[in-house]
Amino acid sequence: AGSFQEAGVIQQAYNLNFPLHVVPASCAQCPAWSAFSVSSPAIVLETVKQASAGAEDRPEAVVVRLYEAHGSTVTAWLQTSLPIKEAMLCDLLERPAAQGHLPLEPQGLRLSFTPFRVLSVLLVRSC
């Protein structure tokens, strides 16, 4: 019922096309853990990958690619449990954008999206 946004069509499509795979664990009491989370259901975290060699030659860098899927203008928080010392917007070739540095805030990284916008974020890990 309702719009595709209200019905969660995007999430259901990902669940269908990329089902979770159950892997037996040795510890039944392992705590829940997530490397990344996004505060808005309109934002899809599509890719997490090690940065390419051209990404400022930082082997400790990770690229996160997100997009706005509801056709809306939204501000969302990207949170990570990884130790991050620096974050910046980058282009699709993973080159840092001019004036693309993002402040690391307690809530995470604040990202602004226009309808269907794709953002790539270069995260430099501190370890």
Protein backbone atom coordinates (compact mmCIF):
# COMPACT_ATOMS: atom_id res chain seq x y z
CA ALA A 1 0.00 0.00 0.00
CA GLY A 2 1.12 3.55 -0.65
CA SER A 3 4.02 4.77 -2.75
CA PHE A 4 7.04 2.67 -3.66
CA GLN A 5 8.97 4.62 -1.02
CA GLU A 6 6.46 3.77 1.72
CA ALA A 7 6.30 0.12 0.61
CA GLY A 8 10.09 -0.28 0.78
CA VAL A 9 10.36 -1.55 -2.79
CA ILE A 10 14.08 -0.71 -3.10
CA GLN A 11 14.99 -2.67 0.04
CA GLN A 12 12.81 -5.62 -0.97
CA ALA A 13 14.45 -5.70 -4.41
CA TYR A 14 17.92 -5.84 -2.81
CA ASN A 15 16.74 -8.58 -0.43
CA LEU A 16 15.48 -10.62 -3.39
CA ASN A 17 18.50 -10.10 -5.65
CA PHE A 18 21.21 -10.25 -2.99
CA PRO A 19 20.00 -12.62 -0.27
CA LEU A 20 21.97 -13.01 2.92
CA HIS A 21 24.08 -16.12 3.18
CA VAL A 22 24.10 -17.85 6.54
CA VAL A 23 27.54 -18.88 7.75
CA PRO A 24 27.92 -21.04 10.85
CA ALA A 25 29.72 -19.22 13.66
CA SER A 26 31.76 -20.74 16.44
CA CYS A 27 30.29 -18.36 18.99
CA ALA A 28 26.53 -18.33 19.55
CA GLN A 29 26.82 -15.22 21.72
CA CYS A 30 28.62 -13.02 19.16
CA PRO A 31 27.37 -9.43 19.40
CA ALA A 32 25.61 -7.84 16.46
CA TRP A 33 27.95 -5.70 14.38
CA SER A 34 27.66 -3.53 11.31
CA ALA A 35 30.51 -1.73 9.56
CA PHE A 36 28.20 0.95 8.09
CA SER A 37 24.73 2.37 8.57
CA VAL A 38 22.78 5.16 6.90
CA SER A 39 20.13 7.23 8.67
CA SER A 40 17.67 7.56 5.76
CA PRO A 41 15.75 4.82 3.95
CA ALA A 42 16.01 6.97 0.80
CA ILE A 43 19.80 6.43 0.70
CA VAL A 44 21.22 3.15 -0.56
CA LEU A 45 24.77 2.21 0.36
CA GLU A 46 25.64 0.41 -2.86
CA THR A 47 29.37 -0.28 -2.66
CA VAL A 48 32.16 -0.60 -0.11
CA LYS A 49 35.56 -1.32 -1.61
CA GLN A 50 39.25 -0.78 -1.09
CA ALA A 51 40.34 2.40 -2.82
CA SER A 52 42.11 2.01 -6.15
CA ALA A 53 45.83 2.66 -6.44
CA GLY A 54 45.16 6.17 -7.73
CA ALA A 55 43.23 7.26 -4.64
CA GLU A 56 46.08 9.36 -3.29
CA ASP A 57 48.15 6.16 -3.00
CA ARG A 58 46.60 5.28 0.35
CA PRO A 59 46.32 1.53 0.86
CA GLU A 60 44.36 2.13 4.07
CA ALA A 61 41.59 3.96 2.17
CA VAL A 62 38.08 2.63 1.55
CA VAL A 63 35.56 3.99 -0.93
CA VAL A 64 31.86 4.01 -0.08
CA ARG A 65 29.37 4.70 -2.86
CA LEU A 66 25.81 5.75 -2.04
CA TYR A 67 22.83 7.03 -3.99
CA GLU A 68 19.47 8.65 -3.35
CA ALA A 69 16.75 6.23 -4.53
CA HIS A 70 13.43 7.98 -3.78
CA GLY A 71 13.72 11.05 -6.00
CA SER A 72 13.97 13.37 -3.01
CA THR A 73 16.33 15.92 -1.53
CA VAL A 74 17.64 14.54 1.74
CA THR A 75 20.40 14.93 4.28
CA ALA A 76 21.59 11.66 5.78
CA TRP A 77 24.22 10.49 8.24
CA LEU A 78 26.68 7.80 7.26
CA GLN A 79 28.00 6.02 10.35
CA THR A 80 30.82 3.52 10.51
CA SER A 81 32.40 1.42 13.19
CA LEU A 82 35.74 1.57 11.36
CA PRO A 83 38.41 3.88 12.80
CA ILE A 84 38.42 6.80 10.35
CA LYS A 85 40.90 9.69 10.47
CA GLU A 86 39.83 11.51 7.31
CA ALA A 87 36.85 11.59 4.94
CA MET A 88 36.38 13.33 1.62
CA LEU A 89 34.07 13.30 -1.36
CA CYS A 90 35.64 11.88 -4.49
CA ASP A 91 34.72 11.38 -8.12
CA LEU A 92 33.96 8.03 -9.74
CA LEU A 93 37.68 7.59 -10.46
CA GLU A 94 38.25 8.02 -6.70
CA ARG A 95 40.10 11.30 -7.03
CA PRO A 96 39.37 13.65 -4.12
CA ALA A 97 36.99 16.46 -5.04
CA ALA A 98 38.09 20.05 -4.63
CA GLN A 99 36.83 21.25 -1.24
CA GLY A 100 35.46 17.76 -0.67
CA HIS A 101 36.73 17.19 2.90
CA LEU A 102 33.96 16.13 5.25
CA PRO A 103 34.04 16.84 8.97
CA LEU A 104 34.02 13.77 11.20
CA GLU A 105 31.18 14.36 13.64
CA PRO A 106 29.93 12.21 16.54
CA GLN A 107 26.86 11.26 14.45
CA GLY A 108 29.10 10.28 11.51
CA LEU A 109 29.40 11.99 8.15
CA ARG A 110 26.68 14.38 7.06
CA LEU A 111 25.85 13.88 3.39
CA SER A 112 23.43 15.91 1.26
CA PHE A 113 21.65 14.36 -1.69
CA THR A 114 19.50 15.71 -4.49
CA PRO A 115 17.16 13.34 -6.37
CA PHE A 116 19.00 10.23 -7.60
CA ARG A 117 22.42 11.70 -6.85
CA VAL A 118 25.38 9.34 -6.51
CA LEU A 119 28.08 10.20 -3.96
CA SER A 120 31.45 8.52 -3.53
CA VAL A 121 33.22 9.02 -0.21
CA LEU A 122 36.88 8.22 0.33
CA LEU A 123 37.48 7.12 3.94
CA VAL A 124 41.04 6.95 5.25
CA ARG A 125 41.32 4.47 8.09
CA SER A 126 43.48 5.38 11.07
CA CYS A 127 44.98 1.92 11.54
